[in-house]
């Protein structure tokens, strides 16, 4: 990270509100927003479109290595085609979750995410941004909330497509998967600014808390 640029890395479990908060935070600070999960979804779409068996790692990586992912603010492009609207499907999300457990895929994505963030003011969110992607970020944030509250948010976000109980179980399973990966697991780094929401903060309240802490960190750097 350049001394003249600032980076905020945000990690946390599924349903903690990372994306909504990171987007609003980036807008307020006039920083670039980078959604690391969207990159995995773009590559997942490439795998689906090419009918790749994810157990065939050689072919999988061959396809990914010739697939170009570009991020332009909140728009995502795969091989020059805007695929933003395709990334929210359950099929793509499931595939992204699967390929995210493959070490070679994760290493490729981490490298590309670091290149994107290099030399710019950015807010990056994901599940290993504070520990792996941007370990030297100006501010590292860990967002968390009671699992029931996270499930309620996701249930409402998806407009009740699945019963609340199913959503809750899926989030618990994703938590276990993210926190128990053999590489790049979701962890709370020692110097993280932790926000644990058990009362239902608004996005604005959380953003303001982060900005206050960010300004304090910047003061320390400049002093």
C-alpha atoms as a PDB file:
ATOM      1  CA  UNK A   1       0.000   0.000   0.000  1.00  0.00           C
ATOM      2  CA  UNK A   2       1.357   3.435  -0.955  1.00  0.00           C
ATOM      3  CA  UNK A   3       1.816   5.927   1.881  1.00  0.00           C
ATOM      4  CA  UNK A   4      -0.386   8.368  -0.039  1.00  0.00           C
ATOM      5  CA  UNK A   5      -3.320   5.968  -0.346  1.00  0.00           C
ATOM      6  CA  UNK A   6      -5.716   4.540   2.205  1.00  0.00           C
ATOM      7  CA  UNK A   7      -7.349   1.126   2.283  1.00  0.00           C
ATOM      8  CA  UNK A   8     -10.172  -0.165   4.450  1.00  0.00           C
ATOM      9  CA  UNK A   9     -10.584  -3.948   4.568  1.00  0.00           C
ATOM     10  CA  UNK A  10     -13.829  -5.428   5.861  1.00  0.00           C
ATOM     11  CA  UNK A  11     -14.347  -9.059   6.819  1.00  0.00           C
ATOM     12  CA  UNK A  12     -17.172 -10.897   8.499  1.00  0.00           C
ATOM     13  CA  UNK A  13     -19.504 -13.866   8.190  1.00  0.00           C
ATOM     14  CA  UNK A  14     -22.409 -14.244   5.783  1.00  0.00           C
ATOM     15  CA  UNK A  15     -25.291 -11.852   6.387  1.00  0.00           C
ATOM     16  CA  UNK A  16     -23.313  -9.390   8.519  1.00  0.00           C
ATOM     17  CA  UNK A  17     -24.100  -6.574   6.099  1.00  0.00           C
ATOM     18  CA  UNK A  18     -20.589  -6.215   4.678  1.00  0.00           C
ATOM     19  CA  UNK A  19     -21.562  -5.301   1.116  1.00  0.00           C
ATOM     20  CA  UNK A  20     -24.233  -2.733   1.999  1.00  0.00           C
ATOM     21  CA  UNK A  21     -21.970  -1.095   4.558  1.00  0.00           C
ATOM     22  CA  UNK A  22     -18.878  -1.177   2.335  1.00  0.00           C
ATOM     23  CA  UNK A  23     -20.756   0.380  -0.595  1.00  0.00           C
ATOM     24  CA  UNK A  24     -22.088   3.244   1.524  1.00  0.00           C
ATOM     25  CA  UNK A  25     -18.716   3.723   3.218  1.00  0.00           C
ATOM     26  CA  UNK A  26     -16.939   3.939  -0.138  1.00  0.00           C
ATOM     27  CA  UNK A  27     -19.471   6.510  -1.358  1.00  0.00           C
ATOM     28  CA  UNK A  28     -19.022   8.712   1.705  1.00  0.00           C
ATOM     29  CA  UNK A  29     -15.236   8.603   1.478  1.00  0.00           C
ATOM     30  CA  UNK A  30     -15.151   8.764  -2.345  1.00  0.00           C
ATOM     31  CA  UNK A  31     -13.135   5.519  -2.344  1.00  0.00           C
ATOM     32  CA  UNK A  32     -13.339   2.648  -4.830  1.00  0.00           C
ATOM     33  CA  UNK A  33     -15.519  -0.242  -3.650  1.00  0.00           C
ATOM     34  CA  UNK A  34     -14.157  -3.740  -4.282  1.00  0.00           C
ATOM     35  CA  UNK A  35     -16.355  -6.774  -3.640  1.00  0.00           C
ATOM     36  CA  UNK A  36     -14.041  -9.795  -3.535  1.00  0.00           C
ATOM     37  CA  UNK A  37     -16.971 -12.200  -3.531  1.00  0.00           C
ATOM     38  CA  UNK A  38     -18.093 -10.855  -6.904  1.00  0.00           C
ATOM     39  CA  UNK A  39     -14.762 -11.896  -8.403  1.00  0.00           C
ATOM     40  CA  UNK A  40     -15.313 -15.483  -7.248  1.00  0.00           C
ATOM     41  CA  UNK A  41     -18.819 -15.323  -8.713  1.00  0.00           C
ATOM     42  CA  UNK A  42     -17.484 -14.122 -12.065  1.00  0.00           C
ATOM     43  CA  UNK A  43     -15.101 -17.056 -12.202  1.00  0.00           C
ATOM     44  CA  UNK A  44     -17.894 -19.370 -11.050  1.00  0.00           C
ATOM     45  CA  UNK A  45     -19.940 -18.177 -14.020  1.00  0.00           C
ATOM     46  CA  UNK A  46     -17.020 -18.974 -16.337  1.00  0.00           C
ATOM     47  CA  UNK A  47     -16.885 -22.497 -14.897  1.00  0.00           C
ATOM     48  CA  UNK A  48     -20.630 -22.966 -15.381  1.00  0.00           C
ATOM     49  CA  UNK A  49     -20.586 -21.601 -18.935  1.00  0.00           C
ATOM     50  CA  UNK A  50     -17.775 -23.997 -19.873  1.00  0.00           C
ATOM     51  CA  UNK A  51     -19.333 -27.036 -18.141  1.00  0.00           C
ATOM     52  CA  UNK A  52     -16.186 -27.664 -16.114  1.00  0.00           C
ATOM     53  CA  UNK A  53     -16.036 -30.424 -13.518  1.00  0.00           C
ATOM     54  CA  UNK A  54     -14.535 -28.656 -10.484  1.00  0.00           C
ATOM     55  CA  UNK A  55     -12.813 -31.901  -9.509  1.00  0.00           C
ATOM     56  CA  UNK A  56     -10.726 -31.542 -12.686  1.00  0.00           C
ATOM     57  CA  UNK A  57      -8.455 -28.836 -11.287  1.00  0.00           C
ATOM     58  CA  UNK A  58      -6.179 -28.719 -14.341  1.00  0.00           C
ATOM     59  CA  UNK A  59      -9.066 -27.904 -16.707  1.00  0.00           C
ATOM     60  CA  UNK A  60     -10.666 -25.623 -14.150  1.00  0.00           C
ATOM     61  CA  UNK A  61      -7.516 -23.491 -13.857  1.00  0.00           C
ATOM     62  CA  UNK A  62      -7.045 -23.545 -17.635  1.00  0.00           C
ATOM     63  CA  UNK A  63     -10.490 -21.985 -18.059  1.00  0.00           C
ATOM     64  CA  UNK A  64      -9.942 -19.442 -15.286  1.00  0.00           C
ATOM     65  CA  UNK A  65      -6.541 -18.429 -16.621  1.00  0.00           C
ATOM     66  CA  UNK A  66      -8.060 -17.421 -19.962  1.00  0.00           C
ATOM     67  CA  UNK A  67     -11.051 -15.706 -18.339  1.00  0.00           C
ATOM     68  CA  UNK A  68     -10.711 -11.952 -17.840  1.00  0.00           C
ATOM     69  CA  UNK A  69     -12.567 -10.381 -14.913  1.00  0.00           C
ATOM     70  CA  UNK A  70     -12.827  -6.595 -14.791  1.00  0.00           C
ATOM     71  CA  UNK A  71     -14.437  -4.489 -12.081  1.00  0.00           C
ATOM     72  CA  UNK A  72     -15.796  -1.005 -12.785  1.00  0.00           C
ATOM     73  CA  UNK A  73     -17.277   0.363  -9.557  1.00  0.00           C
ATOM     74  CA  UNK A  74     -20.329  -1.871  -8.986  1.00  0.00           C
ATOM     75  CA  UNK A  75     -20.319  -3.392 -12.484  1.00  0.00           C
ATOM     76  CA  UNK A  76     -18.594  -6.700 -13.200  1.00  0.00           C
ATOM     77  CA  UNK A  77     -17.360  -7.911 -16.569  1.00  0.00           C
ATOM     78  CA  UNK A  78     -16.365 -11.405 -17.690  1.00  0.00           C
ATOM     79  CA  UNK A  79     -14.426 -11.480 -20.959  1.00  0.00           C
ATOM     80  CA  UNK A  80     -15.748  -8.025 -21.828  1.00  0.00           C
ATOM     81  CA  UNK A  81     -19.403  -8.852 -21.120  1.00  0.00           C
ATOM     82  CA  UNK A  82     -21.292  -7.173 -18.270  1.00  0.00           C
ATOM     83  CA  UNK A  83     -22.436 -10.087 -16.098  1.00  0.00           C
ATOM     84  CA  UNK A  84     -23.475  -8.101 -13.012  1.00  0.00           C
ATOM     85  CA  UNK A  85     -27.114  -9.224 -13.191  1.00  0.00           C
ATOM     86  CA  UNK A  86     -26.103 -12.888 -13.441  1.00  0.00           C
ATOM     87  CA  UNK A  87     -24.018 -12.951 -10.264  1.00  0.00           C
ATOM     88  CA  UNK A  88     -26.907 -13.031  -7.795  1.00  0.00           C
ATOM     89  CA  UNK A  89     -28.333 -16.385  -8.912  1.00  0.00           C
ATOM     90  CA  UNK A  90     -28.245 -19.266  -6.438  1.00  0.00           C
ATOM     91  CA  UNK A  91     -26.469 -21.465  -9.001  1.00  0.00           C
ATOM     92  CA  UNK A  92     -23.603 -18.996  -9.361  1.00  0.00           C
ATOM     93  CA  UNK A  93     -23.439 -18.406  -5.601  1.00  0.00           C
ATOM     94  CA  UNK A  94     -23.196 -22.133  -4.917  1.00  0.00           C
ATOM     95  CA  UNK A  95     -20.446 -22.606  -7.500  1.00  0.00           C
ATOM     96  CA  UNK A  96     -18.535 -19.608  -6.119  1.00  0.00           C
ATOM     97  CA  UNK A  97     -18.677 -21.152  -2.661  1.00  0.00           C
ATOM     98  CA  UNK A  98     -17.296 -24.426  -4.019  1.00  0.00           C
ATOM     99  CA  UNK A  99     -14.407 -22.996  -6.045  1.00  0.00           C
ATOM    100  CA  UNK A 100     -13.536 -20.694  -3.150  1.00  0.00           C
ATOM    101  CA  UNK A 101     -12.340 -23.753  -1.241  1.00  0.00           C
ATOM    102  CA  UNK A 102      -9.794 -24.609  -3.960  1.00  0.00           C
ATOM    103  CA  UNK A 103      -6.367 -23.258  -3.036  1.00  0.00           C
ATOM    104  CA  UNK A 104      -5.228 -22.473  -6.590  1.00  0.00           C
ATOM    105  CA  UNK A 105      -8.412 -20.504  -7.264  1.00  0.00           C
ATOM    106  CA  UNK A 106      -8.095 -18.552  -4.042  1.00  0.00           C
ATOM    107  CA  UNK A 107      -4.436 -17.729  -4.696  1.00  0.00           C
ATOM    108  CA  UNK A 108      -5.318 -16.451  -8.176  1.00  0.00           C
ATOM    109  CA  UNK A 109      -8.132 -14.269  -6.856  1.00  0.00           C
ATOM    110  CA  UNK A 110      -6.062 -12.881  -3.978  1.00  0.00           C
ATOM    111  CA  UNK A 111      -3.284 -11.876  -6.379  1.00  0.00           C
ATOM    112  CA  UNK A 112      -5.741 -10.124  -8.692  1.00  0.00           C
ATOM    113  CA  UNK A 113      -7.486  -8.380  -5.794  1.00  0.00           C
ATOM    114  CA  UNK A 114      -4.157  -7.048  -4.554  1.00  0.00           C
ATOM    115  CA  UNK A 115      -3.346  -5.718  -8.023  1.00  0.00           C
ATOM    116  CA  UNK A 116      -6.711  -3.944  -8.229  1.00  0.00           C
ATOM    117  CA  UNK A 117      -6.251  -2.328  -4.802  1.00  0.00           C
ATOM    118  CA  UNK A 118      -2.657  -1.269  -5.387  1.00  0.00           C
ATOM    119  CA  UNK A 119      -2.197   2.489  -5.397  1.00  0.00           C
ATOM    120  CA  UNK A 120      -5.839   3.487  -4.912  1.00  0.00           C
ATOM    121  CA  UNK A 121      -8.063   4.538  -2.036  1.00  0.00           C
ATOM    122  CA  UNK A 122     -10.452   1.631  -1.605  1.00  0.00           C
ATOM    123  CA  UNK A 123     -12.912  -0.198   0.586  1.00  0.00           C
ATOM    124  CA  UNK A 124     -12.598  -3.942   0.061  1.00  0.00           C
ATOM    125  CA  UNK A 125     -14.928  -6.487   1.605  1.00  0.00           C
ATOM    126  CA  UNK A 126     -14.844 -10.253   1.779  1.00  0.00           C
ATOM    127  CA  UNK A 127     -13.825 -13.050   4.117  1.00  0.00           C
ATOM    128  CA  UNK A 128     -10.024 -12.891   4.039  1.00  0.00           C
ATOM    129  CA  UNK A 129      -9.363  -9.263   3.131  1.00  0.00           C
ATOM    130  CA  UNK A 130      -7.975  -8.263   6.545  1.00  0.00           C
ATOM    131  CA  UNK A 131      -5.869 -11.386   7.015  1.00  0.00           C
ATOM    132  CA  UNK A 132      -4.647 -12.239   3.511  1.00  0.00           C
ATOM    133  CA  UNK A 133      -5.523  -9.749   0.770  1.00  0.00           C
ATOM    134  CA  UNK A 134      -4.832  -6.427   2.530  1.00  0.00           C
ATOM    135  CA  UNK A 135      -3.008  -7.287   5.776  1.00  0.00           C
ATOM    136  CA  UNK A 136      -1.467  -3.787   5.851  1.00  0.00           C
ATOM    137  CA  UNK A 137      -4.712  -1.883   5.293  1.00  0.00           C
ATOM    138  CA  UNK A 138      -5.108   1.475   7.023  1.00  0.00           C
ATOM    139  CA  UNK A 139      -8.109   0.078   8.880  1.00  0.00           C
ATOM    140  CA  UNK A 140      -9.214  -3.523   9.235  1.00  0.00           C
ATOM    141  CA  UNK A 141     -12.842  -4.030  10.214  1.00  0.00           C
ATOM    142  CA  UNK A 142     -14.587  -7.176  11.397  1.00  0.00           C
ATOM    143  CA  UNK A 143     -18.383  -7.043  11.189  1.00  0.00           C
ATOM    144  CA  UNK A 144     -20.422  -9.636  13.027  1.00  0.00           C
ATOM    145  CA  UNK A 145     -23.897 -10.160  14.435  1.00  0.00           C
ATOM    146  CA  UNK A 146     -25.977 -12.838  16.103  1.00  0.00           C
ATOM    147  CA  UNK A 147     -26.582 -15.626  13.600  1.00  0.00           C
ATOM    148  CA  UNK A 148     -30.362 -15.263  14.012  1.00  0.00           C
ATOM    149  CA  UNK A 149     -30.161 -11.574  13.119  1.00  0.00           C
ATOM    150  CA  UNK A 150     -27.980 -12.332  10.099  1.00  0.00           C
ATOM    151  CA  UNK A 151     -30.430 -14.985   8.924  1.00  0.00           C
ATOM    152  CA  UNK A 152     -33.343 -12.560   9.341  1.00  0.00           C
ATOM    153  CA  UNK A 153     -31.550  -9.968   7.204  1.00  0.00           C
ATOM    154  CA  UNK A 154     -30.773 -12.484   4.479  1.00  0.00           C
ATOM    155  CA  UNK A 155     -34.346 -13.845   4.574  1.00  0.00           C
ATOM    156  CA  UNK A 156     -35.760 -10.329   4.112  1.00  0.00           C
ATOM    157  CA  UNK A 157     -33.152  -9.510   1.467  1.00  0.00           C
ATOM    158  CA  UNK A 158     -34.253 -12.540  -0.565  1.00  0.00           C
ATOM    159  CA  UNK A 159     -37.915 -11.600  -0.056  1.00  0.00           C
ATOM    160  CA  UNK A 160     -38.831 -14.900   1.544  1.00  0.00           C
ATOM    161  CA  UNK A 161     -37.813 -17.101  -1.392  1.00  0.00           C
ATOM    162  CA  UNK A 162     -36.710 -19.716   1.153  1.00  0.00           C
ATOM    163  CA  UNK A 163     -38.175 -20.339   4.631  1.00  0.00           C
ATOM    164  CA  UNK A 164     -36.348 -18.591   7.482  1.00  0.00           C
ATOM    165  CA  UNK A 165     -35.273 -21.933   8.965  1.00  0.00           C
ATOM    166  CA  UNK A 166     -33.591 -22.945   5.703  1.00  0.00           C
ATOM    167  CA  UNK A 167     -31.793 -19.590   5.477  1.00  0.00           C
ATOM    168  CA  UNK A 168     -30.611 -19.928   9.076  1.00  0.00           C
ATOM    169  CA  UNK A 169     -29.239 -23.423   8.475  1.00  0.00           C
ATOM    170  CA  UNK A 170     -27.437 -22.336   5.295  1.00  0.00           C
ATOM    171  CA  UNK A 171     -25.767 -19.446   7.105  1.00  0.00           C
ATOM    172  CA  UNK A 172     -24.632 -21.758   9.906  1.00  0.00           C
ATOM    173  CA  UNK A 173     -23.179 -24.155   7.334  1.00  0.00           C
ATOM    174  CA  UNK A 174     -21.430 -21.296   5.483  1.00  0.00           C
ATOM    175  CA  UNK A 175     -19.994 -20.022   8.779  1.00  0.00           C
ATOM    176  CA  UNK A 176     -18.535 -23.446   9.513  1.00  0.00           C
ATOM    177  CA  UNK A 177     -17.092 -23.719   6.008  1.00  0.00           C
ATOM    178  CA  UNK A 178     -15.564 -20.230   6.051  1.00  0.00           C
ATOM    179  CA  UNK A 179     -14.051 -20.551   9.512  1.00  0.00           C
ATOM    180  CA  UNK A 180     -12.653 -24.045   9.051  1.00  0.00           C
ATOM    181  CA  UNK A 181     -10.944 -23.823   5.653  1.00  0.00           C
ATOM    182  CA  UNK A 182      -7.404 -25.186   5.755  1.00  0.00           C
ATOM    183  CA  UNK A 183      -6.177 -21.994   4.037  1.00  0.00           C
ATOM    184  CA  UNK A 184      -7.412 -18.389   4.209  1.00  0.00           C
ATOM    185  CA  UNK A 185     -10.101 -19.103   6.812  1.00  0.00           C
ATOM    186  CA  UNK A 186     -12.361 -16.326   8.077  1.00  0.00           C
ATOM    187  CA  UNK A 187     -10.638 -15.003  11.201  1.00  0.00           C
ATOM    188  CA  UNK A 188     -10.745 -11.935  13.423  1.00  0.00           C
ATOM    189  CA  UNK A 189      -7.267 -10.381  13.151  1.00  0.00           C
ATOM    190  CA  UNK A 190      -5.745  -8.952  16.329  1.00  0.00           C
ATOM    191  CA  UNK A 191      -5.800  -5.310  15.238  1.00  0.00           C
ATOM    192  CA  UNK A 192      -9.300  -5.356  13.749  1.00  0.00           C
ATOM    193  CA  UNK A 193     -11.914  -2.768  14.641  1.00  0.00           C
ATOM    194  CA  UNK A 194     -14.727  -5.093  15.696  1.00  0.00           C
ATOM    195  CA  UNK A 195     -18.393  -4.186  15.420  1.00  0.00           C
ATOM    196  CA  UNK A 196     -20.699  -6.823  16.877  1.00  0.00           C
ATOM    197  CA  UNK A 197     -24.326  -6.014  16.162  1.00  0.00           C
ATOM    198  CA  UNK A 198     -26.886  -7.718  18.365  1.00  0.00           C
ATOM    199  CA  UNK A 199     -29.482  -4.927  18.299  1.00  0.00           C
ATOM    200  CA  UNK A 200     -29.847  -4.177  14.596  1.00  0.00           C
ATOM    201  CA  UNK A 201     -27.770  -1.104  13.775  1.00  0.00           C
ATOM    202  CA  UNK A 202     -28.700   0.857  10.664  1.00  0.00           C
ATOM    203  CA  UNK A 203     -26.205   0.966   7.790  1.00  0.00           C
ATOM    204  CA  UNK A 204     -25.612   4.661   8.496  1.00  0.00           C
ATOM    205  CA  UNK A 205     -24.812   3.990  12.161  1.00  0.00           C
ATOM    206  CA  UNK A 206     -22.208   1.356  11.289  1.00  0.00           C
ATOM    207  CA  UNK A 207     -20.693   3.502   8.529  1.00  0.00           C
ATOM    208  CA  UNK A 208     -20.343   6.432  10.927  1.00  0.00           C
ATOM    209  CA  UNK A 209     -18.619   4.211  13.504  1.00  0.00           C
ATOM    210  CA  UNK A 210     -16.136   3.028  10.877  1.00  0.00           C
ATOM    211  CA  UNK A 211     -15.443   6.545   9.584  1.00  0.00           C
ATOM    212  CA  UNK A 212     -14.777   7.777  13.123  1.00  0.00           C
ATOM    213  CA  UNK A 213     -12.290   4.957  13.715  1.00  0.00           C
ATOM    214  CA  UNK A 214     -10.723   5.459  10.282  1.00  0.00           C
ATOM    215  CA  UNK A 215     -10.135   9.156  10.964  1.00  0.00           C
ATOM    216  CA  UNK A 216      -8.459   8.270  14.264  1.00  0.00           C
ATOM    217  CA  UNK A 217      -6.153   5.787  12.511  1.00  0.00           C
ATOM    218  CA  UNK A 218      -5.241   8.349   9.854  1.00  0.00           C
ATOM    219  CA  UNK A 219      -4.416  10.923  12.544  1.00  0.00           C
ATOM    220  CA  UNK A 220      -2.057   8.425  14.171  1.00  0.00           C
ATOM    221  CA  UNK A 221      -0.360   7.735  10.837  1.00  0.00           C
ATOM    222  CA  UNK A 222       0.140  11.435  10.102  1.00  0.00           C
ATOM    223  CA  UNK A 223       1.299  12.388  13.606  1.00  0.00           C
END
